[in-house]
Amino acid sequence: LVASTSLGSNVDATAHTDAAIVGGGPAGLLSAIMLAEKYPDKSFQVFDRLKPPPSPSDEAIWSDVARFYLIGLGFRGQQALKTFGVWDAVQQYTIQAVGRMD
């Protein structure tokens, strides 16, 4: 599984890829994980139009509340992340919110 930073960059035109996933959001990344697990002998490449986000542990970025926004991740989203074994990595950067947070 190869992740590209944005459409058109970091792409090796001579490299063989069995499938491309366009969109590096939650659905695209989970699709890539699922496909890589189901077809380990195949190669997949993820493309997204945005640059990779800063590290979630970068306090200089994430302590500035003007530079981020809250994203709700409901039960079904959490279950999907658990199914593919990535929830623990995500959960360490979350807080529980009950009701509106604005």
PDB file of N, CA and C in Angstrom:
ATOM      1  N   LEU A   1       0.860  -1.180   0.000  1.00  0.00           N
ATOM      2  CA  LEU A   1       0.000   0.000   0.000  1.00  0.00           C
ATOM      3  C   LEU A   1       0.892   1.224   0.000  1.00  0.00           C
ATOM      4  N   VAL A   2       0.707   2.096  -0.967  1.00  0.00           N
ATOM      5  CA  VAL A   2       1.500   3.314  -1.094  1.00  0.00           C
ATOM      6  C   VAL A   2       0.566   4.500  -0.955  1.00  0.00           C
ATOM      7  N   ALA A   3       0.955   5.482  -0.155  1.00  0.00           N
ATOM      8  CA  ALA A   3       0.153   6.698  -0.029  1.00  0.00           C
ATOM      9  C   ALA A   3       0.871   7.833  -0.724  1.00  0.00           C
ATOM     10  N   SER A   4       0.180   8.504  -1.606  1.00  0.00           N
ATOM     11  CA  SER A   4       0.739   9.666  -2.284  1.00  0.00           C
ATOM     12  C   SER A   4       0.220  10.919  -1.610  1.00  0.00           C
ATOM     13  N   THR A   5       1.055  11.954  -1.608  1.00  0.00           N
ATOM     14  CA  THR A   5       0.662  13.166  -0.899  1.00  0.00           C
ATOM     15  C   THR A   5      -0.420  13.939  -1.615  1.00  0.00           C
ATOM     16  N   SER A   6      -0.424  13.953  -2.899  1.00  0.00           N
ATOM     17  CA  SER A   6      -1.472  14.661  -3.619  1.00  0.00           C
ATOM     18  C   SER A   6      -1.564  14.114  -5.027  1.00  0.00           C
ATOM     19  N   LEU A   7      -2.682  14.381  -5.674  1.00  0.00           N
ATOM     20  CA  LEU A   7      -2.857  13.895  -7.030  1.00  0.00           C
ATOM     21  C   LEU A   7      -1.756  14.426  -7.928  1.00  0.00           C
ATOM     22  N   GLY A   8      -1.078  13.539  -8.583  1.00  0.00           N
ATOM     23  CA  GLY A   8      -0.069  13.941  -9.545  1.00  0.00           C
ATOM     24  C   GLY A   8       1.335  14.053  -8.980  1.00  0.00           C
ATOM     25  N   SER A   9       1.502  14.131  -7.674  1.00  0.00           N
ATOM     26  CA  SER A   9       2.857  14.223  -7.138  1.00  0.00           C
ATOM     27  C   SER A   9       3.239  12.916  -6.472  1.00  0.00           C
ATOM     28  N   ASN A  10       4.523  12.680  -6.392  1.00  0.00           N
ATOM     29  CA  ASN A  10       5.061  11.457  -5.799  1.00  0.00           C
ATOM     30  C   ASN A  10       4.556  10.195  -6.496  1.00  0.00           C
ATOM     31  N   VAL A  11       4.283  10.285  -7.775  1.00  0.00           N
ATOM     32  CA  VAL A  11       3.787   9.135  -8.522  1.00  0.00           C
ATOM     33  C   VAL A  11       4.876   8.662  -9.471  1.00  0.00           C
ATOM     34  N   ASP A  12       5.195   7.396  -9.364  1.00  0.00           N
ATOM     35  CA  ASP A  12       6.157   6.784 -10.272  1.00  0.00           C
ATOM     36  C   ASP A  12       5.363   6.157 -11.416  1.00  0.00           C
ATOM     37  N   ALA A  13       5.403   6.776 -12.575  1.00  0.00           N
ATOM     38  CA  ALA A  13       4.606   6.317 -13.713  1.00  0.00           C
ATOM     39  C   ALA A  13       5.016   4.930 -14.178  1.00  0.00           C
ATOM     40  N   THR A  14       6.216   4.483 -13.820  1.00  0.00           N
ATOM     41  CA  THR A  14       6.660   3.163 -14.262  1.00  0.00           C
ATOM     42  C   THR A  14       6.321   2.072 -13.250  1.00  0.00           C
ATOM     43  N   ALA A  15       5.913   2.450 -12.062  1.00  0.00           N
ATOM     44  CA  ALA A  15       5.591   1.464 -11.031  1.00  0.00           C
ATOM     45  C   ALA A  15       4.244   0.817 -11.320  1.00  0.00           C
ATOM     46  N   HIS A  16       4.166  -0.487 -11.083  1.00  0.00           N
ATOM     47  CA  HIS A  16       2.914  -1.213 -11.282  1.00  0.00           C
ATOM     48  C   HIS A  16       2.028  -1.037 -10.059  1.00  0.00           C
ATOM     49  N   THR A  17       0.774  -0.681 -10.285  1.00  0.00           N
ATOM     50  CA  THR A  17      -0.232  -0.593  -9.230  1.00  0.00           C
ATOM     51  C   THR A  17      -1.462  -1.330  -9.712  1.00  0.00           C
ATOM     52  N   ASP A  18      -1.975  -2.232  -8.892  1.00  0.00           N
ATOM     53  CA  ASP A  18      -3.160  -2.992  -9.283  1.00  0.00           C
ATOM     54  C   ASP A  18      -4.434  -2.161  -9.170  1.00  0.00           C
ATOM     55  N   ALA A  19      -4.478  -1.261  -8.206  1.00  0.00           N
ATOM     56  CA  ALA A  19      -5.671  -0.432  -8.040  1.00  0.00           C
ATOM     57  C   ALA A  19      -5.291   0.884  -7.382  1.00  0.00           C
ATOM     58  N   ALA A  20      -6.036   1.915  -7.735  1.00  0.00           N
ATOM     59  CA  ALA A  20      -5.836   3.239  -7.145  1.00  0.00           C
ATOM     60  C   ALA A  20      -7.079   3.610  -6.352  1.00  0.00           C
ATOM     61  N   ILE A  21      -6.868   4.162  -5.184  1.00  0.00           N
ATOM     62  CA  ILE A  21      -7.945   4.679  -4.352  1.00  0.00           C
ATOM     63  C   ILE A  21      -7.813   6.184  -4.374  1.00  0.00           C
ATOM     64  N   VAL A  22      -8.847   6.864  -4.838  1.00  0.00           N
ATOM     65  CA  VAL A  22      -8.810   8.313  -4.934  1.00  0.00           C
ATOM     66  C   VAL A  22      -9.586   8.878  -3.758  1.00  0.00           C
ATOM     67  N   GLY A  23      -8.862   9.559  -2.896  1.00  0.00           N
ATOM     68  CA  GLY A  23      -9.444  10.133  -1.690  1.00  0.00           C
ATOM     69  C   GLY A  23      -8.814   9.520  -0.464  1.00  0.00           C
ATOM     70  N   GLY A  24      -8.102  10.347   0.293  1.00  0.00           N
ATOM     71  CA  GLY A  24      -7.396   9.867   1.475  1.00  0.00           C
ATOM     72  C   GLY A  24      -8.133  10.147   2.764  1.00  0.00           C
ATOM     73  N   GLY A  25      -9.439  10.330   2.680  1.00  0.00           N
ATOM     74  CA  GLY A  25     -10.239  10.519   3.887  1.00  0.00           C
ATOM     75  C   GLY A  25     -10.529   9.181   4.540  1.00  0.00           C
ATOM     76  N   PRO A  26     -11.392   9.185   5.550  1.00  0.00           N
ATOM     77  CA  PRO A  26     -11.693   7.931   6.262  1.00  0.00           C
ATOM     78  C   PRO A  26     -12.179   6.805   5.351  1.00  0.00           C
ATOM     79  N   ALA A  27     -13.076   7.094   4.425  1.00  0.00           N
ATOM     80  CA  ALA A  27     -13.599   6.038   3.550  1.00  0.00           C
ATOM     81  C   ALA A  27     -12.509   5.510   2.611  1.00  0.00           C
ATOM     82  N   GLY A  28     -11.710   6.414   2.046  1.00  0.00           N
ATOM     83  CA  GLY A  28     -10.645   5.986   1.142  1.00  0.00           C
ATOM     84  C   GLY A  28      -9.578   5.177   1.855  1.00  0.00           C
ATOM     85  N   LEU A  29      -9.180   5.649   3.038  1.00  0.00           N
ATOM     86  CA  LEU A  29      -8.136   4.926   3.772  1.00  0.00           C
ATOM     87  C   LEU A  29      -8.626   3.570   4.260  1.00  0.00           C
ATOM     88  N   LEU A  30      -9.868   3.508   4.770  1.00  0.00           N
ATOM     89  CA  LEU A  30     -10.391   2.205   5.193  1.00  0.00           C
ATOM     90  C   LEU A  30     -10.560   1.267   4.002  1.00  0.00           C
ATOM     91  N   SER A  31     -10.944   1.817   2.856  1.00  0.00           N
ATOM     92  CA  SER A  31     -11.039   0.979   1.656  1.00  0.00           C
ATOM     93  C   SER A  31      -9.674   0.415   1.292  1.00  0.00           C
ATOM     94  N   ALA A  32      -8.647   1.258   1.369  1.00  0.00           N
ATOM     95  CA  ALA A  32      -7.295   0.804   1.058  1.00  0.00           C
ATOM     96  C   ALA A  32      -6.828  -0.264   2.043  1.00  0.00           C
ATOM     97  N   ILE A  33      -7.096  -0.069   3.326  1.00  0.00           N
ATOM     98  CA  ILE A  33      -6.716  -1.061   4.335  1.00  0.00           C
ATOM     99  C   ILE A  33      -7.428  -2.381   4.071  1.00  0.00           C
ATOM    100  N   MET A  34      -8.744  -2.313   3.815  1.00  0.00           N
ATOM    101  CA  MET A  34      -9.530  -3.516   3.563  1.00  0.00           C
ATOM    102  C   MET A  34      -9.011  -4.264   2.338  1.00  0.00           C
ATOM    103  N   LEU A  35      -8.767  -3.531   1.265  1.00  0.00           N
ATOM    104  CA  LEU A  35      -8.272  -4.171   0.045  1.00  0.00           C
ATOM    105  C   LEU A  35      -6.893  -4.792   0.257  1.00  0.00           C
ATOM    106  N   ALA A  36      -6.013  -4.084   0.961  1.00  0.00           N
ATOM    107  CA  ALA A  36      -4.665  -4.603   1.217  1.00  0.00           C
ATOM    108  C   ALA A  36      -4.718  -5.866   2.073  1.00  0.00           C
ATOM    109  N   GLU A  37      -5.654  -5.921   3.024  1.00  0.00           N
ATOM    110  CA  GLU A  37      -5.793  -7.131   3.846  1.00  0.00           C
ATOM    111  C   GLU A  37      -6.404  -8.286   3.050  1.00  0.00           C
ATOM    112  N   LYS A  38      -7.384  -7.967   2.224  1.00  0.00           N
ATOM    113  CA  LYS A  38      -8.072  -9.011   1.462  1.00  0.00           C
ATOM    114  C   LYS A  38      -7.226  -9.543   0.307  1.00  0.00           C
ATOM    115  N   TYR A  39      -6.412  -8.667  -0.282  1.00  0.00           N
ATOM    116  CA  TYR A  39      -5.589  -9.041  -1.438  1.00  0.00           C
ATOM    117  C   TYR A  39      -4.125  -8.675  -1.163  1.00  0.00           C
ATOM    118  N   PRO A  40      -3.460  -9.403  -0.276  1.00  0.00           N
ATOM    119  CA  PRO A  40      -2.091  -9.038   0.100  1.00  0.00           C
ATOM    120  C   PRO A  40      -1.082  -9.136  -1.040  1.00  0.00           C
ATOM    121  N   ASP A  41      -1.422  -9.864  -2.094  1.00  0.00           N
ATOM    122  CA  ASP A  41      -0.495  -9.999  -3.227  1.00  0.00           C
ATOM    123  C   ASP A  41      -0.669  -8.884  -4.258  1.00  0.00           C
ATOM    124  N   LYS A  42      -1.595  -7.972  -4.027  1.00  0.00           N
ATOM    125  CA  LYS A  42      -1.850  -6.858  -4.953  1.00  0.00           C
ATOM    126  C   LYS A  42      -1.256  -5.567  -4.389  1.00  0.00           C
ATOM    127  N   SER A  43      -1.033  -4.603  -5.275  1.00  0.00           N
ATOM    128  CA  SER A  43      -0.515  -3.305  -4.836  1.00  0.00           C
ATOM    129  C   SER A  43      -1.590  -2.239  -5.026  1.00  0.00           C
ATOM    130  N   PHE A  44      -1.653  -1.331  -4.066  1.00  0.00           N
ATOM    131  CA  PHE A  44      -2.654  -0.276  -4.074  1.00  0.00           C
ATOM    132  C   PHE A  44      -1.968   1.058  -3.815  1.00  0.00           C
ATOM    133  N   GLN A  45      -2.512   2.095  -4.419  1.00  0.00           N
ATOM    134  CA  GLN A  45      -1.972   3.424  -4.207  1.00  0.00           C
ATOM    135  C   GLN A  45      -3.124   4.360  -3.861  1.00  0.00           C
ATOM    136  N   VAL A  46      -2.925   5.179  -2.827  1.00  0.00           N
ATOM    137  CA  VAL A  46      -3.940   6.139  -2.387  1.00  0.00           C
ATOM    138  C   VAL A  46      -3.528   7.527  -2.868  1.00  0.00           C
ATOM    139  N   PHE A  47      -4.469   8.224  -3.485  1.00  0.00           N
ATOM    140  CA  PHE A  47      -4.235   9.584  -3.954  1.00  0.00           C
ATOM    141  C   PHE A  47      -5.179  10.532  -3.222  1.00  0.00           C
ATOM    142  N   ASP A  48      -4.676  11.684  -2.867  1.00  0.00           N
ATOM    143  CA  ASP A  48      -5.514  12.715  -2.269  1.00  0.00           C
ATOM    144  C   ASP A  48      -5.047  14.065  -2.778  1.00  0.00           C
ATOM    145  N   ARG A  49      -5.938  15.022  -2.851  1.00  0.00           N
ATOM    146  CA  ARG A  49      -5.571  16.342  -3.375  1.00  0.00           C
ATOM    147  C   ARG A  49      -4.852  17.195  -2.337  1.00  0.00           C
ATOM    148  N   LEU A  50      -4.954  16.830  -1.068  1.00  0.00           N
ATOM    149  CA  LEU A  50      -4.322  17.608  -0.003  1.00  0.00           C
ATOM    150  C   LEU A  50      -2.986  17.008   0.419  1.00  0.00           C
ATOM    151  N   LYS A  51      -2.137  17.842   0.988  1.00  0.00           N
ATOM    152  CA  LYS A  51      -0.886  17.361   1.567  1.00  0.00           C
ATOM    153  C   LYS A  51      -1.205  16.571   2.837  1.00  0.00           C
ATOM    154  N   PRO A  52      -0.320  15.698   3.268  1.00  0.00           N
ATOM    155  CA  PRO A  52      -0.558  14.965   4.522  1.00  0.00           C
ATOM    156  C   PRO A  52      -0.698  15.950   5.689  1.00  0.00           C
ATOM    157  N   PRO A  53      -1.564  15.638   6.640  1.00  0.00           N
ATOM    158  CA  PRO A  53      -1.712  16.526   7.792  1.00  0.00           C
ATOM    159  C   PRO A  53      -0.494  16.435   8.702  1.00  0.00           C
ATOM    160  N   PRO A  54      -0.325  17.411   9.582  1.00  0.00           N
ATOM    161  CA  PRO A  54       0.770  17.320  10.555  1.00  0.00           C
ATOM    162  C   PRO A  54       0.564  16.119  11.476  1.00  0.00           C
ATOM    163  N   SER A  55       1.622  15.709  12.110  1.00  0.00           N
ATOM    164  CA  SER A  55       1.533  14.592  13.053  1.00  0.00           C
ATOM    165  C   SER A  55       0.524  14.922  14.149  1.00  0.00           C
ATOM    166  N   PRO A  56      -0.330  13.966  14.521  1.00  0.00           N
ATOM    167  CA  PRO A  56      -1.305  14.241  15.580  1.00  0.00           C
ATOM    168  C   PRO A  56      -0.665  14.503  16.940  1.00  0.00           C
ATOM    169  N   SER A  57       0.608  14.187  17.083  1.00  0.00           N
ATOM    170  CA  SER A  57       1.283  14.446  18.356  1.00  0.00           C
ATOM    171  C   SER A  57       2.070  15.758  18.351  1.00  0.00           C
ATOM    172  N   ASP A  58       1.945  16.550  17.284  1.00  0.00           N
ATOM    173  CA  ASP A  58       2.656  17.824  17.173  1.00  0.00           C
ATOM    174  C   ASP A  58       1.924  18.899  17.969  1.00  0.00           C
ATOM    175  N   GLU A  59       2.337  19.107  19.206  1.00  0.00           N
ATOM    176  CA  GLU A  59       1.673  20.064  20.104  1.00  0.00           C
ATOM    177  C   GLU A  59       1.717  21.493  19.578  1.00  0.00           C
ATOM    178  N   ALA A  60       2.757  21.852  18.837  1.00  0.00           N
ATOM    179  CA  ALA A  60       2.856  23.215  18.307  1.00  0.00           C
ATOM    180  C   ALA A  60       1.698  23.517  17.355  1.00  0.00           C
ATOM    181  N   ILE A  61       1.234  22.514  16.647  1.00  0.00           N
ATOM    182  CA  ILE A  61       0.119  22.690  15.711  1.00  0.00           C
ATOM    183  C   ILE A  61      -1.216  22.561  16.438  1.00  0.00           C
ATOM    184  N   TRP A  62      -1.417  21.469  17.138  1.00  0.00           N
ATOM    185  CA  TRP A  62      -2.745  21.121  17.647  1.00  0.00           C
ATOM    186  C   TRP A  62      -3.125  21.837  18.931  1.00  0.00           C
ATOM    187  N   SER A  63      -2.189  22.510  19.591  1.00  0.00           N
ATOM    188  CA  SER A  63      -2.561  23.278  20.778  1.00  0.00           C
ATOM    189  C   SER A  63      -3.161  24.635  20.402  1.00  0.00           C
ATOM    190  N   ASP A  64      -3.033  25.027  19.142  1.00  0.00           N
ATOM    191  CA  ASP A  64      -3.596  26.277  18.641  1.00  0.00           C
ATOM    192  C   ASP A  64      -5.005  25.991  18.112  1.00  0.00           C
ATOM    193  N   VAL A  65      -6.046  26.333  18.910  1.00  0.00           N
ATOM    194  CA  VAL A  65      -7.418  25.973  18.546  1.00  0.00           C
ATOM    195  C   VAL A  65      -7.899  26.653  17.270  1.00  0.00           C
ATOM    196  N   ALA A  66      -7.209  27.671  16.809  1.00  0.00           N
ATOM    197  CA  ALA A  66      -7.590  28.319  15.554  1.00  0.00           C
ATOM    198  C   ALA A  66      -7.175  27.486  14.345  1.00  0.00           C
ATOM    199  N   ARG A  67      -6.370  26.448  14.547  1.00  0.00           N
ATOM    200  CA  ARG A  67      -5.840  25.672  13.428  1.00  0.00           C
ATOM    201  C   ARG A  67      -6.497  24.308  13.255  1.00  0.00           C
ATOM    202  N   PHE A  68      -7.525  24.006  14.025  1.00  0.00           N
ATOM    203  CA  PHE A  68      -8.191  22.726  13.839  1.00  0.00           C
ATOM    204  C   PHE A  68      -9.673  22.850  14.127  1.00  0.00           C
ATOM    205  N   TYR A  69     -10.426  21.856  13.774  1.00  0.00           N
ATOM    206  CA  TYR A  69     -11.846  21.832  14.066  1.00  0.00           C
ATOM    207  C   TYR A  69     -12.221  20.425  14.509  1.00  0.00           C
ATOM    208  N   LEU A  70     -13.337  20.339  15.205  1.00  0.00           N
ATOM    209  CA  LEU A  70     -13.778  19.053  15.730  1.00  0.00           C
ATOM    210  C   LEU A  70     -14.498  18.257  14.649  1.00  0.00           C
ATOM    211  N   ILE A  71     -14.260  16.978  14.644  1.00  0.00           N
ATOM    212  CA  ILE A  71     -14.932  16.065  13.727  1.00  0.00           C
ATOM    213  C   ILE A  71     -15.620  15.012  14.574  1.00  0.00           C
ATOM    214  N   GLY A  72     -16.898  14.832  14.349  1.00  0.00           N
ATOM    215  CA  GLY A  72     -17.639  13.800  15.066  1.00  0.00           C
ATOM    216  C   GLY A  72     -17.412  12.442  14.438  1.00  0.00           C
ATOM    217  N   LEU A  73     -17.152  11.461  15.245  1.00  0.00           N
ATOM    218  CA  LEU A  73     -16.972  10.094  14.770  1.00  0.00           C
ATOM    219  C   LEU A  73     -17.945   9.223  15.554  1.00  0.00           C
ATOM    220  N   GLY A  74     -19.042   8.895  14.918  1.00  0.00           N
ATOM    221  CA  GLY A  74     -20.109   8.156  15.578  1.00  0.00           C
ATOM    222  C   GLY A  74     -19.808   6.679  15.755  1.00  0.00           C
ATOM    223  N   PHE A  75     -20.798   5.976  16.267  1.00  0.00           N
ATOM    224  CA  PHE A  75     -20.662   4.557  16.583  1.00  0.00           C
ATOM    225  C   PHE A  75     -20.255   3.736  15.361  1.00  0.00           C
ATOM    226  N   ARG A  76     -20.926   3.951  14.230  1.00  0.00           N
ATOM    227  CA  ARG A  76     -20.613   3.145  13.043  1.00  0.00           C
ATOM    228  C   ARG A  76     -19.194   3.399  12.556  1.00  0.00           C
ATOM    229  N   GLY A  77     -18.750   4.657  12.595  1.00  0.00           N
ATOM    230  CA  GLY A  77     -17.381   4.964  12.201  1.00  0.00           C
ATOM    231  C   GLY A  77     -16.365   4.320  13.124  1.00  0.00           C
ATOM    232  N   GLN A  78     -16.650   4.364  14.425  1.00  0.00           N
ATOM    233  CA  GLN A  78     -15.757   3.729  15.392  1.00  0.00           C
ATOM    234  C   GLN A  78     -15.714   2.224  15.171  1.00  0.00           C
ATOM    235  N   GLN A  79     -16.864   1.626  14.896  1.00  0.00           N
ATOM    236  CA  GLN A  79     -16.903   0.182  14.647  1.00  0.00           C
ATOM    237  C   GLN A  79     -16.103  -0.184  13.396  1.00  0.00           C
ATOM    238  N   ALA A  80     -16.201   0.632  12.360  1.00  0.00           N
ATOM    239  CA  ALA A  80     -15.429   0.358  11.135  1.00  0.00           C
ATOM    240  C   ALA A  80     -13.941   0.413  11.430  1.00  0.00           C
ATOM    241  N   LEU A  81     -13.514   1.403  12.199  1.00  0.00           N
ATOM    242  CA  LEU A  81     -12.096   1.503  12.549  1.00  0.00           C
ATOM    243  C   LEU A  81     -11.657   0.312  13.407  1.00  0.00           C
ATOM    244  N   LYS A  82     -12.531  -0.147  14.297  1.00  0.00           N
ATOM    245  CA  LYS A  82     -12.213  -1.324  15.123  1.00  0.00           C
ATOM    246  C   LYS A  82     -12.112  -2.576  14.260  1.00  0.00           C
ATOM    247  N   THR A  83     -13.014  -2.705  13.301  1.00  0.00           N
ATOM    248  CA  THR A  83     -13.014  -3.877  12.428  1.00  0.00           C
ATOM    249  C   THR A  83     -11.684  -4.037  11.701  1.00  0.00           C
ATOM    250  N   PHE A  84     -11.090  -2.916  11.306  1.00  0.00           N
ATOM    251  CA  PHE A  84      -9.838  -2.976  10.553  1.00  0.00           C
ATOM    252  C   PHE A  84      -8.615  -2.743  11.424  1.00  0.00           C
ATOM    253  N   GLY A  85      -8.812  -2.773  12.750  1.00  0.00           N
ATOM    254  CA  GLY A  85      -7.681  -2.749  13.666  1.00  0.00           C
ATOM    255  C   GLY A  85      -6.945  -1.437  13.792  1.00  0.00           C
ATOM    256  N   VAL A  86      -7.604  -0.321  13.476  1.00  0.00           N
ATOM    257  CA  VAL A  86      -6.915   0.967  13.568  1.00  0.00           C
ATOM    258  C   VAL A  86      -7.525   1.901  14.614  1.00  0.00           C
ATOM    259  N   TRP A  87      -8.594   1.458  15.280  1.00  0.00           N
ATOM    260  CA  TRP A  87      -9.260   2.315  16.262  1.00  0.00           C
ATOM    261  C   TRP A  87      -8.332   2.711  17.408  1.00  0.00           C
ATOM    262  N   ASP A  88      -7.532   1.811  17.924  1.00  0.00           N
ATOM    263  CA  ASP A  88      -6.650   2.140  19.050  1.00  0.00           C
ATOM    264  C   ASP A  88      -5.684   3.273  18.690  1.00  0.00           C
ATOM    265  N   ALA A  89      -5.186   3.266  17.465  1.00  0.00           N
ATOM    266  CA  ALA A  89      -4.273   4.336  17.035  1.00  0.00           C
ATOM    267  C   ALA A  89      -4.998   5.665  16.919  1.00  0.00           C
ATOM    268  N   VAL A  90      -6.258   5.639  16.522  1.00  0.00           N
ATOM    269  CA  VAL A  90      -7.043   6.868  16.384  1.00  0.00           C
ATOM    270  C   VAL A  90      -7.534   7.357  17.744  1.00  0.00           C
ATOM    271  N   GLN A  91      -7.988   6.435  18.564  1.00  0.00           N
ATOM    272  CA  GLN A  91      -8.619   6.797  19.835  1.00  0.00           C
ATOM    273  C   GLN A  91      -7.709   7.607  20.751  1.00  0.00           C
ATOM    274  N   GLN A  92      -6.414   7.373  20.700  1.00  0.00           N
ATOM    275  CA  GLN A  92      -5.507   8.095  21.588  1.00  0.00           C
ATOM    276  C   GLN A  92      -5.504   9.599  21.320  1.00  0.00           C
ATOM    277  N   TYR A  93      -6.034  10.019  20.166  1.00  0.00           N
ATOM    278  CA  TYR A  93      -6.070  11.445  19.817  1.00  0.00           C
ATOM    279  C   TYR A  93      -7.492  12.009  19.875  1.00  0.00           C
ATOM    280  N   THR A  94      -8.396  11.314  20.535  1.00  0.00           N
ATOM    281  CA  THR A  94      -9.782  11.762  20.585  1.00  0.00           C
ATOM    282  C   THR A  94     -10.189  12.163  21.992  1.00  0.00           C
ATOM    283  N   ILE A  95     -11.269  12.902  22.041  1.00  0.00           N
ATOM    284  CA  ILE A  95     -11.937  13.189  23.316  1.00  0.00           C
ATOM    285  C   ILE A  95     -13.410  12.866  23.130  1.00  0.00           C
ATOM    286  N   GLN A  96     -14.051  12.444  24.197  1.00  0.00           N
ATOM    287  CA  GLN A  96     -15.482  12.149  24.114  1.00  0.00           C
ATOM    288  C   GLN A  96     -16.252  13.451  24.221  1.00  0.00           C
ATOM    289  N   ALA A  97     -17.184  13.636  23.332  1.00  0.00           N
ATOM    290  CA  ALA A  97     -18.032  14.825  23.344  1.00  0.00           C
ATOM    291  C   ALA A  97     -19.489  14.380  23.422  1.00  0.00           C
ATOM    292  N   VAL A  98     -20.207  14.922  24.376  1.00  0.00           N
ATOM    293  CA  VAL A  98     -21.623  14.632  24.510  1.00  0.00           C
ATOM    294  C   VAL A  98     -22.376  15.901  24.164  1.00  0.00           C
ATOM    295  N   GLY A  99     -23.198  15.843  23.130  1.00  0.00           N
ATOM    296  CA  GLY A  99     -23.911  17.043  22.692  1.00  0.00           C
ATOM    297  C   GLY A  99     -23.025  17.915  21.834  1.00  0.00           C
ATOM    298  N   ARG A 100     -23.456  19.132  21.617  1.00  0.00           N
ATOM    299  CA  ARG A 100     -22.711  20.062  20.770  1.00  0.00           C
ATOM    300  C   ARG A 100     -21.525  20.620  21.515  1.00  0.00           C
ATOM    301  N   MET A 101     -20.461  20.882  20.775  1.00  0.00           N
ATOM    302  CA  MET A 101     -19.239  21.415  21.383  1.00  0.00           C
ATOM    303  C   MET A 101     -18.924  22.830  20.891  1.00  0.00           C
ATOM    304  N   ASP A 102     -19.907  23.511  20.283  1.00  0.00           N
ATOM    305  CA  ASP A 102     -19.614  24.852  19.762  1.00  0.00           C
ATOM    306  C   ASP A 102     -20.187  25.927  20.593  1.00  0.00           C
TER     307      ASP A 102
END
